[in-house]
N, C-alpha and C. Protein backbone atom coordinates (compact mmCIF):
# COMPACT_ATOMS: atom_id res chain seq x y z
N MET A 1 0.77 -1.32 -0.01
CA MET A 1 0.08 0.12 0.13
C MET A 1 0.59 1.44 -0.01
N ALA A 2 0.30 2.21 -0.54
CA ALA A 2 1.21 2.93 -0.78
C ALA A 2 1.05 3.93 0.16
N PRO A 3 2.15 4.93 0.95
CA PRO A 3 1.05 6.03 1.73
C PRO A 3 0.38 7.17 1.64
N GLU A 4 0.12 7.35 0.41
CA GLU A 4 -0.80 8.08 -0.06
C GLU A 4 -1.95 7.42 0.06
N GLU A 5 -1.96 6.81 -0.16
CA GLU A 5 -3.58 5.18 0.31
C GLU A 5 -3.52 4.70 1.81
N ARG A 6 -2.48 5.46 2.40
CA ARG A 6 -3.02 4.38 3.79
C ARG A 6 -4.17 5.99 4.71
N TYR A 7 -4.04 7.10 4.40
CA TYR A 7 -4.73 8.52 4.61
C TYR A 7 -6.30 8.39 4.00
N VAL A 8 -6.92 7.35 2.95
CA VAL A 8 -7.85 7.62 2.03
C VAL A 8 -8.99 6.77 2.85
N THR A 9 -9.88 7.22 3.06
CA THR A 9 -11.15 6.09 3.35
C THR A 9 -12.28 6.54 2.33
N LYS A 10 -12.98 5.45 2.52
CA LYS A 10 -14.19 6.13 1.30
C LYS A 10 -15.71 5.83 2.10
N ILE A 11 -16.64 6.88 1.61
CA ILE A 11 -17.10 7.50 3.10
C ILE A 11 -18.37 5.98 3.09
N PRO A 12 -18.09 5.80 4.40
CA PRO A 12 -19.36 4.52 4.89
C PRO A 12 -20.90 4.59 4.80
N SER A 13 -21.73 3.70 4.23
CA SER A 13 -22.92 4.31 4.96
C SER A 13 -23.58 4.00 6.25
N MET A 14 -24.81 4.73 6.18
CA MET A 14 -25.03 5.03 7.54
C MET A 14 -25.09 4.18 8.37
N ALA A 15 -25.31 2.46 7.88
CA ALA A 15 -25.64 1.61 8.86
C ALA A 15 -24.17 1.26 8.77
N ALA A 16 -23.19 1.21 8.26
CA ALA A 16 -21.33 1.06 8.73
C ALA A 16 -20.96 1.94 9.83
N LEU A 17 -21.56 3.40 9.71
CA LEU A 17 -21.40 4.02 10.85
C LEU A 17 -21.72 4.27 11.71
N TRP A 18 -22.95 3.51 11.94
CA TRP A 18 -23.46 2.84 13.04
C TRP A 18 -23.26 2.06 14.00
N HIS A 19 -22.43 1.26 13.06
CA HIS A 19 -22.10 -0.22 13.68
C HIS A 19 -20.76 0.59 14.35
N ARG A 20 -19.85 1.70 13.86
CA ARG A 20 -18.54 1.96 14.13
C ARG A 20 -18.91 2.84 15.43
N VAL A 21 -19.87 3.38 15.72
CA VAL A 21 -20.14 4.38 16.65
C VAL A 21 -21.34 3.26 17.88
N CYS A 22 -21.70 2.53 17.55
CA CYS A 22 -22.09 1.20 18.72
C CYS A 22 -21.26 0.34 19.30
N ASP A 23 -19.75 0.65 18.38
CA ASP A 23 -19.01 -0.57 18.87
C ASP A 23 -18.85 -1.65 18.48
N VAL A 24 -20.30 -2.16 17.35
CA VAL A 24 -20.56 -3.52 16.65
C VAL A 24 -19.48 -3.37 15.76
N ASP A 25 -19.00 -5.27 16.22
CA ASP A 25 -17.33 -5.32 15.00
C ASP A 25 -16.62 -4.45 14.74
N HIS A 26 -15.89 -3.90 16.20
CA HIS A 26 -15.36 -2.44 16.32
C HIS A 26 -13.72 -3.57 16.53
N ASN A 27 -13.00 -2.75 15.77
CA ASN A 27 -11.35 -3.30 15.75
C ASN A 27 -10.73 -2.54 16.99
N PRO A 28 -10.43 -2.34 18.00
CA PRO A 28 -10.21 -1.60 19.38
C PRO A 28 -8.35 -1.31 18.21
N THR A 29 -7.85 -1.98 17.21
CA THR A 29 -6.32 -1.68 16.74
C THR A 29 -6.62 -0.94 15.75
N GLN A 30 -7.41 -0.49 14.61
CA GLN A 30 -7.44 0.21 13.72
C GLN A 30 -7.94 1.26 14.26
N ILE A 31 -7.31 2.52 13.91
CA ILE A 31 -7.53 4.03 13.87
C ILE A 31 -7.59 4.62 12.93
N PRO A 32 -9.44 4.94 13.05
CA PRO A 32 -9.71 5.25 11.99
C PRO A 32 -8.80 7.10 11.78
N PRO A 33 -8.15 6.77 10.14
CA PRO A 33 -7.45 7.56 9.77
C PRO A 33 -8.61 9.53 9.55
N THR A 34 -7.26 10.26 10.56
CA THR A 34 -7.72 12.07 10.24
C THR A 34 -6.72 12.65 9.95
N MET A 35 -6.49 12.21 8.19
CA MET A 35 -5.75 12.60 7.71
C MET A 35 -6.38 13.73 6.49
N PRO A 36 -6.05 14.18 5.62
CA PRO A 36 -7.03 15.11 4.22
C PRO A 36 -7.50 13.48 3.38
N ASP A 37 -8.69 13.86 3.30
CA ASP A 37 -8.91 12.46 1.68
C ASP A 37 -8.44 13.62 0.46
N GLN A 38 -8.17 12.44 0.00
CA GLN A 38 -7.08 13.16 -1.34
C GLN A 38 -9.06 13.62 -2.52
N ASN A 39 -10.06 12.73 -2.29
CA ASN A 39 -11.45 13.20 -3.09
C ASN A 39 -11.93 14.04 -2.42
N SER A 40 -11.43 14.49 -1.50
CA SER A 40 -12.42 15.57 -0.56
C SER A 40 -11.79 17.42 -0.78
N ARG A 41 -12.70 18.51 -0.76
CA ARG A 41 -12.14 19.40 -0.16
C ARG A 41 -11.46 19.84 0.32
N PRO A 42 -10.49 20.67 0.73
CA PRO A 42 -9.02 21.30 0.76
C PRO A 42 -9.70 21.39 2.51
N GLY A 43 -9.39 20.80 3.54
CA GLY A 43 -9.81 21.50 4.62
C GLY A 43 -10.58 20.42 5.29
N TYR A 44 -11.00 19.31 4.13
CA TYR A 44 -12.03 18.33 5.28
C TYR A 44 -11.52 17.36 5.47
N TYR A 45 -11.44 16.89 6.42
CA TYR A 45 -10.79 15.47 7.30
C TYR A 45 -11.72 14.85 7.40
N ARG A 46 -11.59 13.19 7.41
CA ARG A 46 -12.28 12.26 7.23
C ARG A 46 -11.75 10.97 8.42
N ALA A 47 -13.30 11.34 9.80
CA ALA A 47 -13.05 10.56 10.69
C ALA A 47 -14.14 8.94 10.58
N ALA A 48 -13.78 8.93 10.96
CA ALA A 48 -15.19 8.12 10.62
C ALA A 48 -16.15 7.75 9.49
N GLY A 49 -15.24 8.38 8.36
CA GLY A 49 -16.34 8.63 7.09
C GLY A 49 -16.35 10.37 7.39
N LEU A 50 -16.41 10.96 8.43
CA LEU A 50 -17.84 12.13 8.11
C LEU A 50 -16.94 13.40 8.33
N PRO A 51 -16.73 14.17 7.41
CA PRO A 51 -16.41 15.83 7.88
C PRO A 51 -15.62 16.13 9.44
N ALA A 52 -14.98 16.96 9.11
CA ALA A 52 -14.55 17.09 10.78
C ALA A 52 -15.53 18.46 11.30
N SER A 53 -15.71 18.68 10.08
CA SER A 53 -16.76 20.21 10.73
C SER A 53 -17.75 19.81 11.20
N LEU A 54 -18.49 18.67 10.66
CA LEU A 54 -19.76 18.22 10.75
C LEU A 54 -19.80 17.47 12.38
N LEU A 55 -18.55 17.06 12.29
CA LEU A 55 -18.14 16.54 13.81
C LEU A 55 -17.93 17.06 15.12
N ALA A 56 -17.25 18.86 14.61
CA ALA A 56 -17.25 19.11 15.99
C ALA A 56 -18.39 20.02 15.93
N ILE A 57 -18.89 20.04 14.68
CA ILE A 57 -20.71 20.57 15.87
C ILE A 57 -20.68 20.01 16.37
N LEU A 58 -21.16 18.73 16.35
CA LEU A 58 -21.73 17.83 16.40
C LEU A 58 -21.41 17.73 17.92
N LEU A 59 -20.24 18.01 18.47
CA LEU A 59 -19.77 17.34 19.68
C LEU A 59 -19.91 19.02 20.63
N ILE A 60 -19.75 19.96 20.04
CA ILE A 60 -19.76 21.60 20.19
C ILE A 60 -21.59 21.06 20.89
N ALA A 61 -22.11 20.99 19.66
CA ALA A 61 -23.77 20.97 20.03
C ALA A 61 -24.19 20.83 21.44
N GLY A 62 -23.53 19.13 21.67
CA GLY A 62 -24.04 17.46 22.53
C GLY A 62 -23.21 18.97 23.64
N GLY A 63 -22.64 19.23 23.98
CA GLY A 63 -21.41 20.16 25.21
C GLY A 63 -22.13 20.79 25.64
N CYS A 64 -22.46 21.81 24.65
CA CYS A 64 -23.49 22.74 25.00
C CYS A 64 -25.07 22.56 25.96
N GLY A 65 -25.46 21.64 25.27
CA GLY A 65 -26.57 21.04 26.18
C GLY A 65 -26.71 20.49 27.94
N SER A 66 -25.35 19.62 27.86
CA SER A 66 -25.11 19.29 28.92
C SER A 66 -24.44 20.30 30.12
N SER A 67 -23.50 21.80 29.52
CA SER A 67 -23.39 22.58 30.04
C SER A 67 -24.15 23.82 30.91
N LYS A 68 -25.18 23.63 30.14
CA LYS A 68 -26.40 24.64 30.42
C LYS A 68 -26.74 23.58 31.65
N ASN A 69 -27.22 22.70 31.17
CA ASN A 69 -27.78 21.88 32.15
C ASN A 69 -27.06 21.39 34.28
N LEU A 70 -25.89 21.65 33.60
CA LEU A 70 -24.92 21.57 34.79
C LEU A 70 -24.73 23.29 35.00
N ALA A 71 -25.15 24.21 34.58
CA ALA A 71 -25.01 25.63 34.93
C ALA A 71 -26.18 26.07 35.64
N ALA A 72 -27.73 25.27 34.82
CA ALA A 72 -28.57 25.60 35.97
C ALA A 72 -28.70 24.68 37.12
N ILE A 73 -28.08 23.40 37.40
CA ILE A 73 -27.73 22.71 38.30
C ILE A 73 -27.59 24.01 39.52
N GLU A 74 -25.97 24.19 39.25
CA GLU A 74 -25.40 25.01 39.74
C GLU A 74 -26.35 25.90 40.55
N GLN A 75 -26.70 26.58 39.86
CA GLN A 75 -27.36 27.46 40.05
C GLN A 75 -28.40 27.47 40.82
N ALA A 76 -29.32 26.55 41.23
CA ALA A 76 -30.40 25.86 41.99
C ALA A 76 -29.33 25.26 43.12
N ASN A 77 -28.57 24.70 43.56
CA ASN A 77 -27.95 24.67 44.63
C ASN A 77 -27.12 26.20 44.86
N ASP A 78 -26.68 26.86 44.67
CA ASP A 78 -26.85 27.74 44.75
C ASP A 78 -27.61 28.98 45.40
N SER A 79 -28.97 29.06 44.93
CA SER A 79 -29.65 29.77 45.50
C SER A 79 -30.33 28.77 46.84
N ILE A 80 -30.50 27.65 46.53
CA ILE A 80 -30.09 26.68 47.61
C ILE A 80 -29.84 26.76 48.95
N THR A 81 -28.41 26.80 48.72
CA THR A 81 -27.13 27.03 50.40
C THR A 81 -27.58 28.82 50.47
N ASP A 82 -28.26 29.90 49.54
CA ASP A 82 -28.77 30.76 50.70
C ASP A 82 -29.40 30.67 50.56
N ALA A 83 -30.15 30.61 50.73
CA ALA A 83 -31.91 30.43 50.84
C ALA A 83 -31.64 29.16 52.71
N ARG A 84 -30.48 28.09 52.85
CA ARG A 84 -30.33 27.59 54.07
C ARG A 84 -29.33 28.25 54.40
N VAL A 85 -28.77 29.61 54.33
CA VAL A 85 -27.82 30.49 54.95
C VAL A 85 -29.02 31.43 55.84
N ALA A 86 -29.75 31.92 54.94
CA ALA A 86 -31.19 32.58 55.27
C ALA A 86 -31.86 32.17 56.66
N VAL A 87 -32.57 30.52 56.09
CA VAL A 87 -33.16 30.27 57.17
C VAL A 87 -32.51 30.32 58.71
N ARG A 88 -30.66 29.68 58.15
CA ARG A 88 -30.81 29.49 59.64
C ARG A 88 -30.21 30.97 60.82
N GLN A 89 -29.94 31.65 59.97
CA GLN A 89 -29.59 32.84 60.57
C GLN A 89 -30.82 34.36 60.70
N ALA A 90 -32.32 33.27 60.40
CA ALA A 90 -33.44 33.94 60.64
C ALA A 90 -33.42 33.12 62.17
N ASP A 91 -33.03 31.88 62.39
CA ASP A 91 -32.98 30.59 63.27
C ASP A 91 -32.49 31.47 64.21
N GLN A 92 -31.43 31.50 64.27
CA GLN A 92 -30.61 32.55 65.41
C GLN A 92 -30.86 33.95 65.93
N ARG A 93 -31.60 34.32 65.52
CA ARG A 93 -32.08 36.05 65.89
C ARG A 93 -33.57 35.56 65.90
N GLY A 94 -34.24 34.34 66.24
CA GLY A 94 -35.75 34.12 66.79
C GLY A 94 -36.37 34.13 66.68
N ALA A 95 -36.48 33.60 64.93
CA ALA A 95 -37.82 33.32 64.47
C ALA A 95 -38.51 32.82 65.16
N ARG A 96 -37.57 31.65 65.14
CA ARG A 96 -38.11 30.38 66.24
C ARG A 96 -39.39 30.90 66.92
N GLU A 97 -39.53 31.32 67.75
CA GLU A 97 -40.04 31.99 68.66
C GLU A 97 -40.22 33.25 68.03
N LEU A 98 -40.61 33.93 67.67
CA LEU A 98 -41.05 35.31 67.35
C LEU A 98 -41.44 35.27 65.69
N SER A 99 -41.94 34.28 65.11
CA SER A 99 -42.71 34.52 64.05
C SER A 99 -42.08 33.56 62.93
N PRO A 100 -43.07 31.87 63.99
CA PRO A 100 -42.53 30.70 63.15
C PRO A 100 -43.46 30.59 62.04
N MET A 101 -44.59 31.26 61.64
CA MET A 101 -45.10 31.04 60.77
C MET A 101 -44.60 30.79 59.27
N GLU A 102 -43.86 31.83 59.02
CA GLU A 102 -42.37 32.42 58.50
C GLU A 102 -41.64 31.74 58.30
N LEU A 103 -41.35 31.23 59.30
CA LEU A 103 -40.16 30.69 59.64
C LEU A 103 -40.14 29.33 58.99
N ARG A 104 -41.37 28.35 59.71
CA ARG A 104 -41.92 27.19 59.07
C ARG A 104 -42.59 27.09 57.34
N ALA A 105 -42.62 28.43 56.35
CA ALA A 105 -43.32 28.59 54.88
C ALA A 105 -41.37 28.08 54.64
N ALA A 106 -40.65 28.94 55.22
CA ALA A 106 -39.35 29.03 54.54
C ALA A 106 -38.66 28.27 54.51
N GLU A 107 -38.68 26.92 55.21
CA GLU A 107 -38.14 25.76 55.49
C GLU A 107 -39.30 24.47 54.68
N GLN A 108 -40.50 24.52 54.66
CA GLN A 108 -40.87 23.95 53.73
C GLN A 108 -40.74 24.11 52.65
N LYS A 109 -40.62 25.20 52.00
CA LYS A 109 -40.30 25.52 50.59
C LYS A 109 -38.87 25.61 50.34
N LEU A 110 -37.98 25.19 51.55
CA LEU A 110 -36.66 24.92 50.46
C LEU A 110 -36.51 23.89 51.17
N GLU A 111 -37.68 22.53 51.76
CA GLU A 111 -37.16 21.08 51.26
C GLU A 111 -37.56 21.04 50.10
N ALA A 112 -38.82 21.83 49.74
CA ALA A 112 -39.22 21.81 48.23
C ALA A 112 -38.91 21.74 47.36
N ALA A 113 -37.64 22.60 47.45
CA ALA A 113 -36.55 22.64 46.18
C ALA A 113 -35.70 21.71 46.65
N ASP A 114 -35.08 21.06 47.92
CA ASP A 114 -34.61 19.56 46.88
C ASP A 114 -35.10 18.95 46.96
N ILE A 115 -36.45 18.87 46.87
CA ILE A 115 -37.50 17.49 45.78
C ILE A 115 -37.06 18.13 44.72
N ALA A 116 -37.34 19.30 44.16
CA ALA A 116 -37.94 19.17 42.54
C ALA A 116 -35.94 19.22 41.99
N VAL A 117 -34.82 19.78 42.62
CA VAL A 117 -33.57 19.58 42.30
C VAL A 117 -33.44 18.16 42.16
N LYS A 118 -33.98 17.36 42.59
CA LYS A 118 -34.18 15.70 42.16
C LYS A 118 -35.01 14.70 41.57
N ARG A 119 -35.60 15.11 41.66
CA ARG A 119 -36.94 15.48 40.19
C ARG A 119 -36.24 16.56 38.92
N GLY A 120 -35.31 16.66 38.89
CA GLY A 120 -34.45 17.38 37.87
C GLY A 120 -35.51 18.94 37.49
N GLU A 121 -36.48 19.52 38.10
CA GLU A 121 -37.13 20.58 38.05
C GLU A 121 -36.39 21.28 38.29
N LEU A 122 -35.25 21.94 37.21
CA LEU A 122 -34.47 23.28 37.73
C LEU A 122 -34.85 24.70 38.12
N ASP A 123 -36.01 24.89 37.14
CA ASP A 123 -36.77 26.37 37.55
C ASP A 123 -37.75 26.67 38.64
N TYR A 124 -38.19 25.02 38.87
CA TYR A 124 -38.92 24.74 39.76
C TYR A 124 -38.65 24.92 41.22
N ALA A 125 -37.00 24.16 41.81
CA ALA A 125 -36.72 24.26 42.31
C ALA A 125 -35.40 26.03 42.65
N LEU A 126 -35.00 26.39 41.93
CA LEU A 126 -34.58 27.71 41.92
C LEU A 126 -36.19 28.92 42.39
N MET A 127 -36.79 28.62 41.46
CA MET A 127 -37.81 29.52 41.89
C MET A 127 -38.37 29.33 43.47
N LEU A 128 -38.50 28.26 43.98
CA LEU A 128 -38.57 27.59 45.93
C LEU A 128 -37.47 28.17 46.29
N ALA A 129 -36.47 27.82 46.08
CA ALA A 129 -35.68 28.83 46.62
C ALA A 129 -35.34 29.84 47.05
N ASP A 130 -35.46 31.29 45.75
CA ASP A 130 -36.24 32.26 46.09
C ASP A 130 -36.70 32.46 47.08
N GLU A 131 -37.88 31.84 46.99
CA GLU A 131 -38.76 32.20 47.74
C GLU A 131 -38.80 31.89 49.51
N ALA A 132 -37.96 30.61 49.31
CA ALA A 132 -37.48 30.60 50.76
C ALA A 132 -36.68 31.36 51.36
N GLU A 133 -36.07 32.11 50.54
CA GLU A 133 -34.80 32.79 51.33
C GLU A 133 -35.34 34.34 51.59
N VAL A 134 -36.68 34.67 50.68
CA VAL A 134 -37.16 35.85 51.10
C VAL A 134 -38.16 35.54 52.21
N ASP A 135 -39.21 33.73 52.46
CA ASP A 135 -39.72 33.97 53.45
C ASP A 135 -38.39 34.53 54.80
N ALA A 136 -37.52 33.62 54.71
CA ALA A 136 -36.53 33.58 55.75
C ALA A 136 -36.10 34.91 55.74
N GLU A 137 -36.10 35.59 55.27
CA GLU A 137 -35.63 37.06 55.44
C GLU A 137 -37.00 37.27 56.33
N LEU A 138 -38.22 37.41 55.54
CA LEU A 138 -39.51 37.94 55.77
C LEU A 138 -39.86 37.95 57.87
N ALA A 139 -39.19 36.32 57.64
CA ALA A 139 -38.77 35.18 58.96
C ALA A 139 -38.32 36.80 60.00
N GLU A 140 -36.90 36.72 59.94
CA GLU A 140 -36.06 37.47 60.15
C GLU A 140 -36.35 38.68 60.83
N ILE A 141 -37.06 39.25 59.89
CA ILE A 141 -36.99 40.69 59.98
C ILE A 141 -38.66 40.91 60.83
N SER A 142 -39.48 40.38 60.57
CA SER A 142 -40.57 40.04 61.71
C SER A 142 -39.91 39.99 63.52
N ALA A 143 -39.53 39.19 63.03
CA ALA A 143 -38.21 38.60 64.80
C ALA A 143 -37.82 39.96 65.05
N LEU A 144 -36.89 40.55 64.39
CA LEU A 144 -36.64 41.91 64.93
C LEU A 144 -37.32 42.75 65.01
N SER A 145 -38.61 43.15 64.55
CA SER A 145 -39.06 43.37 64.63
C SER A 145 -40.04 44.00 65.97
N ALA A 146 -40.50 42.60 66.49
CA ALA A 146 -41.06 41.51 67.67
C ALA A 146 -40.27 42.19 68.43
N ARG A 147 -39.27 41.88 68.40
CA ARG A 147 -38.34 42.22 69.88
C ARG A 147 -37.94 44.01 69.90
N SER A 148 -38.17 44.40 68.94
CA SER A 148 -37.92 45.72 69.12
C SER A 148 -39.18 46.41 68.88
N SER A 149 -40.66 45.66 69.11
CA SER A 149 -41.53 46.50 70.02
C SER A 149 -41.54 46.00 71.04
N ASN A 150 -40.68 44.18 71.69
CA ASN A 150 -41.13 44.04 73.31
C ASN A 150 -39.89 45.52 74.21
N ALA A 151 -39.23 45.41 73.24
CA ALA A 151 -38.36 46.77 74.23
C ALA A 151 -38.90 47.95 74.06
N LEU A 152 -38.97 48.16 73.14
CA LEU A 152 -39.83 49.57 73.16
C LEU A 152 -41.03 49.86 74.42
N LYS A 153 -41.65 48.54 74.33
CA LYS A 153 -42.93 48.26 75.16
C LYS A 153 -41.67 48.81 76.92
N GLU A 154 -41.06 47.72 77.19
CA GLU A 154 -40.16 47.83 77.93
C GLU A 154 -39.72 48.71 78.69
N ILE A 155 -39.55 49.45 77.78
CA ILE A 155 -38.49 51.00 78.02
C ILE A 155 -39.90 52.59 77.85
N ARG A 156 -40.94 51.80 77.28
CA ARG A 156 -41.86 53.13 77.73
C ARG A 156 -42.30 52.55 79.87
N ALA A 157 -42.69 51.32 79.76
CA ALA A 157 -42.93 50.96 81.17
C ALA A 157 -42.04 51.23 82.01
N SER A 158 -41.21 51.53 81.47
CA SER A 158 -39.53 52.05 82.70
C SER A 158 -39.91 52.89 82.53
N ILE A 159 -40.49 53.58 81.72
CA ILE A 159 -40.34 56.00 81.60
C ILE A 159 -41.62 55.92 82.41
N LYS A 160 -42.56 54.35 82.66
CA LYS A 160 -43.66 54.96 83.04
C LYS A 160 -43.72 55.56 84.31
N THR A 161 -42.87 54.38 84.88
CA THR A 161 -41.96 53.71 86.69
C THR A 161 -41.65 54.88 86.95
N MET A 162 -40.47 55.22 86.17
CA MET A 162 -39.55 56.84 86.46
C MET A 162 -40.81 58.07 86.86
N ARG A 163 -41.55 58.49 86.00
CA ARG A 163 -42.06 59.59 86.18
C ARG A 163 -43.19 59.40 87.70
N GLU A 164 -44.11 57.88 87.41
CA GLU A 164 -44.39 57.92 88.79
C GLU A 164 -43.88 57.58 90.00
N GLU A 165 -42.72 57.80 90.10
CA GLU A 165 -41.51 57.50 90.73
C GLU A 165 -41.40 58.76 91.54
N ILE A 166 -41.30 59.83 90.55
CA ILE A 166 -40.73 61.36 90.30
C ILE A 166 -41.69 62.16 90.98
N GLN A 167 -43.25 61.68 90.64
CA GLN A 167 -44.28 62.75 90.80
C GLN A 167 -44.39 61.73 92.79
N ARG A 168 -44.91 60.98 93.00
CA ARG A 168 -44.09 60.40 94.73
C ARG A 168 -42.93 61.04 95.59
N LEU A 169 -42.06 61.74 94.87
CA LEU A 169 -40.93 61.64 95.41
C LEU A 169 -41.52 63.46 95.49
N GLN A 170 -42.46 64.18 94.59
CA GLN A 170 -42.09 65.58 94.75
C GLN A 170 -43.39 65.97 95.66
N LYS A 171 -44.48 65.12 95.33
CA LYS A 171 -45.25 65.51 96.69
C LYS A 171 -44.64 65.36 98.16
N LYS A 172 -43.69 64.34 98.35
CA LYS A 172 -43.45 64.69 100.36
C LYS A 172 -42.98 65.71 100.08
């Protein structure tokens, strides 16, 4: 065989391509040629009988879908992590005692977001995680507001007691 003929391939049929893709009757020691085919236009390479440009397009298109999916999973997981931090922070600031309904709503949405990720419903999981974070922030703010209201009541009660004491001392 002449050195030039070693790189020349014939375009196989679809069935032959399918057999190569599925590894049917595949000889692992035989490497498909990747040198330019003498019968094709310049710039075209043959690998398993397909032009390299078509192979590149297929590889890029196949990879884009999976990278988008990975990015969506990562975004959903980041949102769930942010919501968990918000729930933990609200709990540490007294939301479990002072605004339990809002905190429980955040926890339930966080659990539902985890389930949605496992089911592959990433958009729904992202929405639930964002809602859980907002509910946790509401619980935290409600707890802080309730704590401030209680402190204000105590201060007003102290002021009232001081006024009464001052009036009692002035009457003497």
